[in-house]
C-alpha atoms as a PDB file:
ATOM      1  CA  MET A   1    -168.021  -5.395 -67.445  1.00  0.00           C
ATOM      2  CA  ASN A   2    -169.776  -2.417 -69.054  1.00  0.00           C
ATOM      3  CA  ILE A   3    -172.663  -3.763 -71.145  1.00  0.00           C
ATOM      4  CA  ALA A   4    -174.791  -1.693 -73.506  1.00  0.00           C
ATOM      5  CA  ILE A   5    -178.214  -3.176 -74.214  1.00  0.00           C
ATOM      6  CA  LEU A   6    -179.840  -1.802 -77.356  1.00  0.00           C
ATOM      7  CA  GLY A   7    -183.618  -2.113 -77.215  1.00  0.00           C
ATOM      8  CA  ALA A   8    -185.873  -1.342 -74.259  1.00  0.00           C
ATOM      9  CA  GLY A   9    -188.715  -3.719 -75.011  1.00  0.00           C
ATOM     10  CA  ALA A  10    -189.636  -6.543 -72.667  1.00  0.00           C
ATOM     11  CA  TRP A  11    -186.577  -8.654 -73.460  1.00  0.00           C
ATOM     12  CA  GLY A  12    -184.032  -5.831 -73.363  1.00  0.00           C
ATOM     13  CA  THR A  13    -185.463  -4.580 -70.085  1.00  0.00           C
ATOM     14  CA  ALA A  14    -185.481  -8.073 -68.575  1.00  0.00           C
ATOM     15  CA  LEU A  15    -181.853  -8.636 -69.545  1.00  0.00           C
ATOM     16  CA  ALA A  16    -180.899  -5.243 -68.089  1.00  0.00           C
ATOM     17  CA  VAL A  17    -182.551  -6.173 -64.790  1.00  0.00           C
ATOM     18  CA  ALA A  18    -180.894  -9.601 -64.671  1.00  0.00           C
ATOM     19  CA  LEU A  19    -177.411  -8.579 -65.784  1.00  0.00           C
ATOM     20  CA  SER A  20    -177.209  -5.496 -63.568  1.00  0.00           C
ATOM     21  CA  ALA A  21    -176.598  -7.802 -60.611  1.00  0.00           C
ATOM     22  CA  ARG A  22    -173.079  -8.466 -61.920  1.00  0.00           C
ATOM     23  CA  HIS A  23    -172.375  -5.808 -64.523  1.00  0.00           C
ATOM     24  CA  ARG A  24    -172.667  -2.097 -65.223  1.00  0.00           C
ATOM     25  CA  VAL A  25    -175.587  -1.889 -67.661  1.00  0.00           C
ATOM     26  CA  THR A  26    -176.734   0.927 -69.922  1.00  0.00           C
ATOM     27  CA  LEU A  27    -180.146   0.401 -71.534  1.00  0.00           C
ATOM     28  CA  TRP A  28    -180.830   2.306 -74.746  1.00  0.00           C
ATOM     29  CA  ALA A  29    -184.409   3.112 -75.798  1.00  0.00           C
ATOM     30  CA  ARG A  30    -184.978   4.197 -79.392  1.00  0.00           C
ATOM     31  CA  ASP A  31    -187.830   6.509 -78.367  1.00  0.00           C
ATOM     32  CA  PRO A  32    -186.491   9.457 -76.297  1.00  0.00           C
ATOM     33  CA  ALA A  33    -189.856   9.774 -74.554  1.00  0.00           C
ATOM     34  CA  GLN A  34    -189.678   6.148 -73.460  1.00  0.00           C
ATOM     35  CA  ALA A  35    -186.123   6.675 -72.221  1.00  0.00           C
ATOM     36  CA  ALA A  36    -187.251   9.666 -70.169  1.00  0.00           C
ATOM     37  CA  ALA A  37    -190.172   7.702 -68.705  1.00  0.00           C
ATOM     38  CA  LEU A  38    -187.902   4.782 -67.803  1.00  0.00           C
ATOM     39  CA  ARG A  39    -185.489   7.111 -66.044  1.00  0.00           C
ATOM     40  CA  SER A  40    -188.167   8.909 -64.062  1.00  0.00           C
ATOM     41  CA  GLN A  41    -190.510   6.005 -63.269  1.00  0.00           C
ATOM     42  CA  ARG A  42    -187.828   3.272 -62.979  1.00  0.00           C
ATOM     43  CA  ARG A  43    -190.331   0.933 -64.613  1.00  0.00           C
ATOM     44  CA  ASN A  44    -191.123  -0.128 -68.191  1.00  0.00           C
ATOM     45  CA  ALA A  45    -194.818   0.732 -68.081  1.00  0.00           C
ATOM     46  CA  ARG A  46    -195.579  -0.657 -71.549  1.00  0.00           C
ATOM     47  CA  TYR A  47    -193.664  -3.914 -71.640  1.00  0.00           C
ATOM     48  CA  LEU A  48    -192.847  -4.984 -68.071  1.00  0.00           C
ATOM     49  CA  PRO A  49    -194.974  -2.884 -65.722  1.00  0.00           C
ATOM     50  CA  GLU A  50    -194.629  -5.427 -62.899  1.00  0.00           C
ATOM     51  CA  ILE A  51    -190.847  -5.068 -62.611  1.00  0.00           C
ATOM     52  CA  PRO A  52    -188.960  -2.165 -60.991  1.00  0.00           C
ATOM     53  CA  LEU A  53    -185.830  -1.119 -62.868  1.00  0.00           C
ATOM     54  CA  PRO A  54    -182.792  -1.276 -60.565  1.00  0.00           C
ATOM     55  CA  GLU A  55    -181.056   2.022 -59.898  1.00  0.00           C
ATOM     56  CA  ALA A  56    -177.876   0.388 -61.179  1.00  0.00           C
ATOM     57  CA  VAL A  57    -179.311   0.367 -64.721  1.00  0.00           C
ATOM     58  CA  GLU A  58    -178.541   3.581 -66.588  1.00  0.00           C
ATOM     59  CA  VAL A  59    -181.117   4.525 -69.232  1.00  0.00           C
ATOM     60  CA  THR A  60    -180.455   6.693 -72.272  1.00  0.00           C
ATOM     61  CA  GLY A  61    -182.054   7.674 -75.555  1.00  0.00           C
ATOM     62  CA  ASP A  62    -178.631   8.421 -77.064  1.00  0.00           C
ATOM     63  CA  SER A  63    -177.120   5.344 -78.695  1.00  0.00           C
ATOM     64  CA  SER A  64    -173.690   6.978 -78.977  1.00  0.00           C
ATOM     65  CA  ALA A  65    -173.635   7.570 -75.238  1.00  0.00           C
ATOM     66  CA  ALA A  66    -174.743   3.993 -74.580  1.00  0.00           C
ATOM     67  CA  LEU A  67    -171.961   2.600 -76.755  1.00  0.00           C
ATOM     68  CA  ALA A  68    -169.196   4.986 -75.736  1.00  0.00           C
ATOM     69  CA  HIS A  69    -167.830   2.978 -72.788  1.00  0.00           C
ATOM     70  CA  ALA A  70    -169.342  -0.421 -73.562  1.00  0.00           C
ATOM     71  CA  GLN A  71    -167.107  -3.466 -73.395  1.00  0.00           C
ATOM     72  CA  ALA A  72    -169.867  -5.639 -74.871  1.00  0.00           C
ATOM     73  CA  ILE A  73    -173.054  -4.844 -76.791  1.00  0.00           C
ATOM     74  CA  LEU A  74    -176.256  -6.848 -76.471  1.00  0.00           C
ATOM     75  CA  VAL A  75    -178.884  -6.140 -79.141  1.00  0.00           C
ATOM     76  CA  ALA A  76    -182.359  -6.992 -77.854  1.00  0.00           C
ATOM     77  CA  THR A  77    -184.512  -5.475 -80.586  1.00  0.00           C
ATOM     78  CA  PRO A  78    -186.966  -7.430 -82.759  1.00  0.00           C
ATOM     79  CA  THR A  79    -185.272  -8.970 -85.783  1.00  0.00           C
ATOM     80  CA  ALA A  80    -186.865  -6.323 -88.011  1.00  0.00           C
ATOM     81  CA  ALA A  81    -184.898  -3.641 -86.141  1.00  0.00           C
ATOM     82  CA  LEU A  82    -181.602  -5.551 -85.907  1.00  0.00           C
ATOM     83  CA  ARG A  83    -180.078  -4.025 -89.036  1.00  0.00           C
ATOM     84  CA  GLU A  84    -180.756  -0.477 -87.833  1.00  0.00           C
ATOM     85  CA  ALA A  85    -179.301  -1.250 -84.405  1.00  0.00           C
ATOM     86  CA  LEU A  86    -176.169  -2.739 -85.943  1.00  0.00           C
ATOM     87  CA  GLU A  87    -175.746   0.350 -88.123  1.00  0.00           C
ATOM     88  CA  ARG A  88    -175.576   2.341 -84.892  1.00  0.00           C
ATOM     89  CA  VAL A  89    -172.972  -0.095 -83.559  1.00  0.00           C
ATOM     90  CA  LYS A  90    -170.948   0.293 -86.752  1.00  0.00           C
ATOM     91  CA  THR A  91    -170.474   4.014 -86.095  1.00  0.00           C
ATOM     92  CA  SER A  92    -168.976   3.325 -82.665  1.00  0.00           C
ATOM     93  CA  ALA A  93    -165.253   3.954 -82.464  1.00  0.00           C
ATOM     94  CA  ALA A  94    -164.363   0.730 -80.692  1.00  0.00           C
ATOM     95  CA  ALA A  95    -164.863  -2.774 -82.058  1.00  0.00           C
ATOM     96  CA  GLN A  96    -166.799  -4.145 -79.094  1.00  0.00           C
ATOM     97  CA  PRO A  97    -168.132  -7.705 -79.208  1.00  0.00           C
ATOM     98  CA  VAL A  98    -171.766  -7.878 -80.272  1.00  0.00           C
ATOM     99  CA  ILE A  99    -174.408 -10.393 -79.187  1.00  0.00           C
ATOM    100  CA  TRP A 100    -177.954 -10.350 -80.509  1.00  0.00           C
ATOM    101  CA  ALA A 101    -180.908 -11.764 -78.596  1.00  0.00           C
ATOM    102  CA  CYS A 102    -183.589 -11.716 -81.298  1.00  0.00           C
ATOM    103  CA  LYS A 103    -185.206 -14.809 -82.832  1.00  0.00           C
ATOM    104  CA  GLY A 104    -186.389 -14.789 -86.417  1.00  0.00           C
ATOM    105  CA  LEU A 105    -185.546 -13.877 -89.984  1.00  0.00           C
ATOM    106  CA  GLU A 106    -185.551 -10.474 -91.616  1.00  0.00           C
ATOM    107  CA  GLN A 107    -188.853 -10.348 -93.461  1.00  0.00           C
ATOM    108  CA  ALA A 108    -187.709  -8.476 -96.579  1.00  0.00           C
ATOM    109  CA  SER A 109    -184.467 -10.368 -97.192  1.00  0.00           C
ATOM    110  CA  GLY A 110    -185.002 -13.716 -95.465  1.00  0.00           C
ATOM    111  CA  ARG A 111    -181.642 -13.262 -93.738  1.00  0.00           C
ATOM    112  CA  LEU A 112    -180.784 -14.846 -90.422  1.00  0.00           C
ATOM    113  CA  PRO A 113    -179.374 -12.465 -87.790  1.00  0.00           C
ATOM    114  CA  HIS A 114    -175.763 -13.559 -88.299  1.00  0.00           C
ATOM    115  CA  GLN A 115    -176.093 -12.833 -92.023  1.00  0.00           C
ATOM    116  CA  ILE A 116    -177.393  -9.348 -91.255  1.00  0.00           C
ATOM    117  CA  ALA A 117    -174.483  -8.818 -88.860  1.00  0.00           C
ATOM    118  CA  ALA A 118    -171.978  -9.950 -91.502  1.00  0.00           C
ATOM    119  CA  GLU A 119    -173.447  -7.500 -94.036  1.00  0.00           C
ATOM    120  CA  VAL A 120    -173.415  -4.559 -91.631  1.00  0.00           C
ATOM    121  CA  LEU A 121    -170.352  -5.186 -89.463  1.00  0.00           C
ATOM    122  CA  GLY A 122    -168.196  -7.395 -91.649  1.00  0.00           C
ATOM    123  CA  GLU A 123    -165.196  -8.677 -89.706  1.00  0.00           C
ATOM    124  CA  ARG A 124    -165.279  -5.712 -87.336  1.00  0.00           C
ATOM    125  CA  ALA A 125    -166.038  -7.521 -84.096  1.00  0.00           C
ATOM    126  CA  ALA A 126    -166.607 -10.881 -82.463  1.00  0.00           C
ATOM    127  CA  CYS A 127    -170.313 -11.770 -82.680  1.00  0.00           C
ATOM    128  CA  GLY A 128    -172.786 -14.274 -81.332  1.00  0.00           C
ATOM    129  CA  VAL A 129    -176.403 -15.042 -80.487  1.00  0.00           C
ATOM    130  CA  LEU A 130    -178.108 -15.497 -77.113  1.00  0.00           C
ATOM    131  CA  SER A 131    -181.148 -17.760 -77.323  1.00  0.00           C
ATOM    132  CA  GLY A 132    -183.155 -20.399 -75.502  1.00  0.00           C
ATOM    133  CA  PRO A 133    -186.398 -20.888 -73.543  1.00  0.00           C
ATOM    134  CA  SER A 134    -186.872 -17.527 -71.859  1.00  0.00           C
ATOM    135  CA  PHE A 135    -189.993 -15.504 -71.181  1.00  0.00           C
ATOM    136  CA  ALA A 136    -188.882 -11.966 -70.389  1.00  0.00           C
ATOM    137  CA  LEU A 137    -191.118 -11.613 -67.343  1.00  0.00           C
ATOM    138  CA  GLU A 138    -189.654 -14.654 -65.603  1.00  0.00           C
ATOM    139  CA  VAL A 139    -186.085 -13.556 -66.332  1.00  0.00           C
ATOM    140  CA  ALA A 140    -186.861 -10.119 -64.874  1.00  0.00           C
ATOM    141  CA  GLN A 141    -188.435 -11.768 -61.825  1.00  0.00           C
ATOM    142  CA  GLY A 142    -185.215 -13.664 -61.199  1.00  0.00           C
ATOM    143  CA  ARG A 143    -186.696 -17.076 -61.862  1.00  0.00           C
ATOM    144  CA  PRO A 144    -184.263 -19.808 -62.977  1.00  0.00           C
ATOM    145  CA  THR A 145    -183.596 -19.670 -66.730  1.00  0.00           C
ATOM    146  CA  ALA A 146    -181.064 -21.409 -68.981  1.00  0.00           C
ATOM    147  CA  LEU A 147    -179.849 -19.963 -72.280  1.00  0.00           C
ATOM    148  CA  THR A 148    -177.319 -20.772 -74.992  1.00  0.00           C
ATOM    149  CA  LEU A 149    -174.733 -18.337 -76.310  1.00  0.00           C
ATOM    150  CA  ALA A 150    -173.466 -19.426 -79.716  1.00  0.00           C
ATOM    151  CA  SER A 151    -170.754 -18.071 -81.973  1.00  0.00           C
ATOM    152  CA  LEU A 152    -168.680 -19.353 -84.864  1.00  0.00           C
ATOM    153  CA  ASP A 153    -165.757 -18.484 -82.579  1.00  0.00           C
ATOM    154  CA  ALA A 154    -166.022 -21.175 -79.909  1.00  0.00           C
ATOM    155  CA  GLY A 155    -163.581 -19.391 -77.610  1.00  0.00           C
ATOM    156  CA  PHE A 156    -165.592 -16.176 -77.745  1.00  0.00           C
ATOM    157  CA  ALA A 157    -168.818 -18.076 -76.998  1.00  0.00           C
ATOM    158  CA  GLN A 158    -167.220 -19.684 -73.957  1.00  0.00           C
ATOM    159  CA  ARG A 159    -165.763 -16.409 -72.626  1.00  0.00           C
ATOM    160  CA  MET A 160    -168.977 -14.441 -73.016  1.00  0.00           C
ATOM    161  CA  ALA A 161    -171.106 -17.252 -71.585  1.00  0.00           C
ATOM    162  CA  ARG A 162    -168.946 -17.144 -68.460  1.00  0.00           C
ATOM    163  CA  GLU A 163    -169.317 -13.362 -68.233  1.00  0.00           C
ATOM    164  CA  LEU A 164    -173.118 -13.462 -68.482  1.00  0.00           C
ATOM    165  CA  HIS A 165    -173.637 -16.606 -66.413  1.00  0.00           C
ATOM    166  CA  GLN A 166    -175.122 -16.260 -62.920  1.00  0.00           C
ATOM    167  CA  PRO A 167    -177.092 -18.515 -60.558  1.00  0.00           C
ATOM    168  CA  MET A 168    -180.579 -17.661 -61.866  1.00  0.00           C
ATOM    169  CA  LEU A 169    -179.482 -17.078 -65.467  1.00  0.00           C
ATOM    170  CA  ARG A 170    -177.425 -20.055 -66.543  1.00  0.00           C
ATOM    171  CA  VAL A 171    -175.647 -19.518 -69.852  1.00  0.00           C
ATOM    172  CA  TYR A 172    -174.272 -22.451 -71.828  1.00  0.00           C
ATOM    173  CA  PHE A 173    -172.039 -22.030 -74.876  1.00  0.00           C
ATOM    174  CA  SER A 174    -172.012 -23.493 -78.373  1.00  0.00           C
ATOM    175  CA  SER A 175    -170.232 -23.041 -81.690  1.00  0.00           C
ATOM    176  CA  ASP A 176    -173.381 -23.951 -83.670  1.00  0.00           C
ATOM    177  CA  LEU A 177    -174.472 -20.414 -84.492  1.00  0.00           C
ATOM    178  CA  ILE A 178    -176.697 -21.450 -87.410  1.00  0.00           C
ATOM    179  CA  GLY A 179    -178.440 -24.212 -85.470  1.00  0.00           C
ATOM    180  CA  VAL A 180    -179.214 -21.943 -82.523  1.00  0.00           C
ATOM    181  CA  GLU A 181    -180.612 -19.232 -84.812  1.00  0.00           C
ATOM    182  CA  ILE A 182    -182.758 -21.676 -86.779  1.00  0.00           C
ATOM    183  CA  GLY A 183    -184.138 -23.119 -83.554  1.00  0.00           C
ATOM    184  CA  GLY A 184    -185.101 -19.661 -82.345  1.00  0.00           C
ATOM    185  CA  ALA A 185    -186.766 -18.723 -85.624  1.00  0.00           C
ATOM    186  CA  VAL A 186    -188.725 -21.852 -86.507  1.00  0.00           C
ATOM    187  CA  LYS A 187    -190.095 -22.509 -83.015  1.00  0.00           C
ATOM    188  CA  ASN A 188    -192.154 -19.320 -83.301  1.00  0.00           C
ATOM    189  CA  VAL A 189    -193.961 -20.666 -86.361  1.00  0.00           C
ATOM    190  CA  MET A 190    -194.602 -23.944 -84.559  1.00  0.00           C
ATOM    191  CA  ALA A 191    -196.034 -21.999 -81.625  1.00  0.00           C
ATOM    192  CA  ILE A 192    -198.580 -20.373 -83.948  1.00  0.00           C
ATOM    193  CA  ALA A 193    -199.542 -23.856 -85.148  1.00  0.00           C
ATOM    194  CA  THR A 194    -199.874 -25.109 -81.572  1.00  0.00           C
ATOM    195  CA  GLY A 195    -201.986 -22.104 -80.657  1.00  0.00           C
ATOM    196  CA  ILE A 196    -204.319 -22.959 -83.525  1.00  0.00           C
ATOM    197  CA  CYS A 197    -204.479 -26.547 -82.277  1.00  0.00           C
ATOM    198  CA  ASP A 198    -205.343 -25.402 -78.756  1.00  0.00           C
ATOM    199  CA  GLY A 199    -207.754 -22.740 -79.984  1.00  0.00           C
ATOM    200  CA  LEU A 200    -209.681 -25.354 -81.936  1.00  0.00           C
ATOM    201  CA  GLY A 201    -209.841 -27.579 -78.853  1.00  0.00           C
ATOM    202  CA  LEU A 202    -208.091 -30.512 -80.515  1.00  0.00           C
ATOM    203  CA  GLY A 203    -206.707 -31.831 -77.235  1.00  0.00           C
ATOM    204  CA  LEU A 204    -203.433 -32.650 -75.543  1.00  0.00           C
ATOM    205  CA  ASN A 205    -202.680 -35.661 -77.765  1.00  0.00           C
ATOM    206  CA  ALA A 206    -202.810 -33.419 -80.818  1.00  0.00           C
ATOM    207  CA  ARG A 207    -200.656 -30.794 -79.125  1.00  0.00           C
ATOM    208  CA  ALA A 208    -197.960 -33.346 -78.253  1.00  0.00           C
ATOM    209  CA  ALA A 209    -197.964 -34.734 -81.786  1.00  0.00           C
ATOM    210  CA  LEU A 210    -197.741 -31.253 -83.286  1.00  0.00           C
ATOM    211  CA  ILE A 211    -194.796 -30.226 -81.109  1.00  0.00           C
ATOM    212  CA  THR A 212    -192.975 -33.468 -81.882  1.00  0.00           C
ATOM    213  CA  ARG A 213    -193.482 -33.196 -85.623  1.00  0.00           C
ATOM    214  CA  GLY A 214    -192.611 -29.511 -85.390  1.00  0.00           C
ATOM    215  CA  LEU A 215    -189.286 -30.468 -83.851  1.00  0.00           C
ATOM    216  CA  ALA A 216    -188.725 -32.827 -86.782  1.00  0.00           C
ATOM    217  CA  GLU A 217    -189.363 -29.960 -89.238  1.00  0.00           C
ATOM    218  CA  LEU A 218    -187.100 -27.625 -87.322  1.00  0.00           C
ATOM    219  CA  THR A 219    -184.313 -30.201 -87.268  1.00  0.00           C
ATOM    220  CA  ARG A 220    -184.604 -31.031 -90.977  1.00  0.00           C
ATOM    221  CA  LEU A 221    -184.259 -27.403 -91.971  1.00  0.00           C
ATOM    222  CA  GLY A 222    -181.518 -26.669 -89.472  1.00  0.00           C
ATOM    223  CA  VAL A 223    -179.366 -29.590 -90.594  1.00  0.00           C
ATOM    224  CA  ALA A 224    -179.910 -28.686 -94.258  1.00  0.00           C
ATOM    225  CA  LEU A 225    -178.613 -25.180 -93.530  1.00  0.00           C
ATOM    226  CA  GLY A 226    -175.528 -26.420 -91.697  1.00  0.00           C
ATOM    227  CA  GLY A 227    -176.709 -26.756 -88.103  1.00  0.00           C
ATOM    228  CA  ARG A 228    -175.903 -29.765 -85.957  1.00  0.00           C
ATOM    229  CA  ALA A 229    -178.675 -32.233 -85.123  1.00  0.00           C
ATOM    230  CA  GLU A 230    -177.767 -32.324 -81.424  1.00  0.00           C
ATOM    231  CA  THR A 231    -178.375 -28.567 -81.139  1.00  0.00           C
ATOM    232  CA  PHE A 232    -182.070 -29.120 -81.801  1.00  0.00           C
ATOM    233  CA  MET A 233    -182.326 -31.482 -78.846  1.00  0.00           C
ATOM    234  CA  GLY A 234    -181.008 -28.759 -76.551  1.00  0.00           C
ATOM    235  CA  LEU A 235    -182.132 -25.460 -75.048  1.00  0.00           C
ATOM    236  CA  ALA A 236    -182.251 -23.508 -78.301  1.00  0.00           C
ATOM    237  CA  GLY A 237    -184.177 -26.283 -80.048  1.00  0.00           C
ATOM    238  CA  ALA A 238    -186.508 -28.540 -78.066  1.00  0.00           C
ATOM    239  CA  GLY A 239    -186.339 -26.346 -74.961  1.00  0.00           C
ATOM    240  CA  ASP A 240    -187.420 -23.147 -76.664  1.00  0.00           C
ATOM    241  CA  LEU A 241    -189.956 -25.015 -78.805  1.00  0.00           C
ATOM    242  CA  ILE A 242    -191.686 -26.579 -75.799  1.00  0.00           C
ATOM    243  CA  LEU A 243    -191.836 -23.305 -73.879  1.00  0.00           C
ATOM    244  CA  THR A 244    -193.152 -21.230 -76.772  1.00  0.00           C
ATOM    245  CA  CYS A 245    -195.726 -23.822 -77.803  1.00  0.00           C
ATOM    246  CA  THR A 246    -197.151 -24.399 -74.332  1.00  0.00           C
ATOM    247  CA  GLY A 247    -196.523 -21.306 -72.204  1.00  0.00           C
ATOM    248  CA  GLU A 248    -199.348 -18.868 -71.565  1.00  0.00           C
ATOM    249  CA  LEU A 249    -196.911 -15.958 -71.950  1.00  0.00           C
ATOM    250  CA  SER A 250    -196.095 -16.948 -75.556  1.00  0.00           C
ATOM    251  CA  ARG A 251    -197.126 -14.238 -78.023  1.00  0.00           C
ATOM    252  CA  ASN A 252    -196.848 -16.545 -81.027  1.00  0.00           C
ATOM    253  CA  ARG A 253    -199.037 -19.178 -79.388  1.00  0.00           C
ATOM    254  CA  ARG A 254    -201.540 -16.427 -78.586  1.00  0.00           C
ATOM    255  CA  VAL A 255    -201.677 -15.457 -82.267  1.00  0.00           C
ATOM    256  CA  GLY A 256    -202.615 -19.037 -83.156  1.00  0.00           C
ATOM    257  CA  VAL A 257    -205.296 -19.249 -80.462  1.00  0.00           C
ATOM    258  CA  LEU A 258    -206.941 -16.030 -81.657  1.00  0.00           C
ATOM    259  CA  LEU A 259    -206.755 -17.119 -85.311  1.00  0.00           C
ATOM    260  CA  ALA A 260    -208.567 -20.328 -84.362  1.00  0.00           C
ATOM    261  CA  GLN A 261    -211.250 -18.202 -82.721  1.00  0.00           C
ATOM    262  CA  GLY A 262    -211.884 -16.472 -86.042  1.00  0.00           C
ATOM    263  CA  GLN A 263    -210.110 -13.175 -85.421  1.00  0.00           C
ATOM    264  CA  GLN A 264    -208.276 -11.405 -88.238  1.00  0.00           C
ATOM    265  CA  LEU A 265    -204.483 -11.255 -88.214  1.00  0.00           C
ATOM    266  CA  ASP A 266    -204.230  -7.441 -88.375  1.00  0.00           C
ATOM    267  CA  ALA A 267    -206.560  -7.071 -85.409  1.00  0.00           C
ATOM    268  CA  ILE A 268    -204.662  -9.726 -83.463  1.00  0.00           C
ATOM    269  CA  LEU A 269    -201.306  -8.022 -83.985  1.00  0.00           C
ATOM    270  CA  ALA A 270    -202.734  -4.625 -83.034  1.00  0.00           C
ATOM    271  CA  ARG A 271    -204.243  -6.104 -79.881  1.00  0.00           C
ATOM    272  CA  LEU A 272    -201.056  -7.950 -78.958  1.00  0.00           C
ATOM    273  CA  GLY A 273    -198.965  -4.812 -78.573  1.00  0.00           C
ATOM    274  CA  HIS A 274    -195.746  -6.845 -78.912  1.00  0.00           C
ATOM    275  CA  VAL A 275    -193.927  -8.333 -81.889  1.00  0.00           C
ATOM    276  CA  ALA A 276    -194.864 -11.934 -82.721  1.00  0.00           C
ATOM    277  CA  GLU A 277    -191.763 -12.968 -84.671  1.00  0.00           C
ATOM    278  CA  GLY A 278    -193.363 -16.103 -86.132  1.00  0.00           C
ATOM    279  CA  VAL A 279    -195.719 -14.026 -88.277  1.00  0.00           C
ATOM    280  CA  TYR A 280    -192.825 -12.177 -89.871  1.00  0.00           C
ATOM    281  CA  SER A 281    -190.551 -15.211 -90.266  1.00  0.00           C
ATOM    282  CA  ALA A 282    -193.008 -17.837 -91.530  1.00  0.00           C
ATOM    283  CA  ARG A 283    -192.971 -16.936 -95.213  1.00  0.00           C
ATOM    284  CA  ALA A 284    -189.173 -16.638 -95.336  1.00  0.00           C
ATOM    285  CA  ILE A 285    -188.810 -20.022 -93.621  1.00  0.00           C
ATOM    286  CA  GLU A 286    -191.224 -21.604 -96.109  1.00  0.00           C
ATOM    287  CA  THR A 287    -189.268 -20.108 -99.023  1.00  0.00           C
ATOM    288  CA  ILE A 288    -185.899 -21.269 -97.695  1.00  0.00           C
ATOM    289  CA  ALA A 289    -187.246 -24.767 -97.059  1.00  0.00           C
ATOM    290  CA  ALA A 290    -188.669 -25.001-100.585  1.00  0.00           C
ATOM    291  CA  GLY A 291    -185.365 -23.876-102.044  1.00  0.00           C
ATOM    292  CA  ARG A 292    -183.516 -26.579-100.118  1.00  0.00           C
ATOM    293  CA  GLY A 293    -186.088 -29.280-100.849  1.00  0.00           C
ATOM    294  CA  VAL A 294    -186.936 -29.612 -97.144  1.00  0.00           C
ATOM    295  CA  GLU A 295    -190.457 -30.797 -96.361  1.00  0.00           C
ATOM    296  CA  MET A 296    -192.159 -28.567 -93.765  1.00  0.00           C
ATOM    297  CA  PRO A 297    -195.914 -29.258 -93.882  1.00  0.00           C
ATOM    298  CA  ILE A 298    -196.700 -27.520 -90.573  1.00  0.00           C
ATOM    299  CA  THR A 299    -194.910 -24.360 -91.672  1.00  0.00           C
ATOM    300  CA  ARG A 300    -196.747 -24.520 -94.993  1.00  0.00           C
ATOM    301  CA  ALA A 301    -200.077 -24.853 -93.187  1.00  0.00           C
ATOM    302  CA  VAL A 302    -199.321 -21.869 -90.944  1.00  0.00           C
ATOM    303  CA  CYS A 303    -198.434 -19.750 -93.980  1.00  0.00           C
ATOM    304  CA  ALA A 304    -201.686 -20.800 -95.659  1.00  0.00           C
ATOM    305  CA  VAL A 305    -203.638 -19.508 -92.663  1.00  0.00           C
ATOM    306  CA  LEU A 306    -201.603 -16.323 -92.219  1.00  0.00           C
ATOM    307  CA  PHE A 307    -201.319 -15.228 -95.834  1.00  0.00           C
ATOM    308  CA  ASN A 308    -203.555 -17.274 -98.148  1.00  0.00           C
ATOM    309  CA  GLY A 309    -206.966 -17.051 -96.507  1.00  0.00           C
ATOM    310  CA  VAL A 310    -207.162 -20.731 -95.540  1.00  0.00           C
ATOM    311  CA  SER A 311    -209.211 -21.263 -92.381  1.00  0.00           C
ATOM    312  CA  PRO A 312    -207.459 -22.830 -89.378  1.00  0.00           C
ATOM    313  CA  ALA A 313    -209.870 -25.800 -89.462  1.00  0.00           C
ATOM    314  CA  ASP A 314    -209.183 -26.450 -93.156  1.00  0.00           C
ATOM    315  CA  ALA A 315    -205.427 -26.208 -92.614  1.00  0.00           C
ATOM    316  CA  VAL A 316    -205.667 -28.840 -89.864  1.00  0.00           C
ATOM    317  CA  GLN A 317    -207.717 -31.130 -92.105  1.00  0.00           C
ATOM    318  CA  GLN A 318    -205.126 -30.835 -94.853  1.00  0.00           C
ATOM    319  CA  LEU A 319    -202.373 -31.853 -92.414  1.00  0.00           C
ATOM    320  CA  LEU A 320    -204.414 -34.811 -91.130  1.00  0.00           C
ATOM    321  CA  ALA A 321    -205.172 -35.970 -94.666  1.00  0.00           C
ATOM    322  CA  ARG A 322    -201.511 -36.502 -95.542  1.00  0.00           C
ATOM    323  CA  ASP A 323    -200.500 -40.070 -96.368  1.00  0.00           C
ATOM    324  CA  PRO A 324    -198.857 -42.173 -93.633  1.00  0.00           C
ATOM    325  CA  ARG A 325    -195.076 -42.361 -93.752  1.00  0.00           C
ATOM    326  CA  GLY A 326    -192.123 -43.531 -91.733  1.00  0.00           C
ATOM    327  CA  GLU A 327    -191.225 -41.472 -88.694  1.00  0.00           C
ATOM    328  CA  ALA A 328    -187.852 -39.785 -89.153  1.00  0.00           C
END
């Protein structure tokens, strides 16, 4: 299969490396200079300097050329750039299937990725999301990883999962598109909270409690928005949550750790050099939850630290001061 991957960050590059073992892959970089460097150096010096880019991966800075012969399109940009990428897809002559691999909500509109796709593409093509516990570096290294491909069209999800599936990149399929997207978005906010917990030295007991109650928040919101409860016990829910909250490669967790150390958010993001989706999704998630009457105290505490000037220590104290209640 000819696959066009839009976005040459860490995740797009990792997917290009992994999928090129079975498919013909064209990787599109938005910056022509980056595309030229990738072609000449056969390495993504900024995002994945450790990983050589296989010769089988074609690199281009021309999105029209990338899309021209594609039989499937995989969008691996940050959520903030998804709309622009899909506008490029819309101009393509063919109605290729589109899968996005970003996790979060559009900051300005609060839209989930499938809502952005519906606005831009309409009924033009079959669509879905690829999500789950997956650090880009490990995928590029060929380490075992399991993902979920979800679409409202269950048959499409199954067909595309089979196309992308390989021994070291296991792809499961699901028809719970909303649940998988909510899992991918909310876990980033919980990872910021867990980073704060770890940065303050609150211990492993506190970390376990925070992840567990974070899963409860994630599930409450997901079910309220139409997701299925069992989805949040799977790869795109608990799996991705555990990885992002505990893994040293997690950018969102790193944001929380540095906040707990007293660093300012702007300086943290500049130092990070990568997008931390939880920062950009947290406020939209809090707003959606409030509108649905869904209680999300951890999300609220993270927003207070990120946007309202509340110190990490004070936010933790406010969470601990909440009245006891039944576990649900």
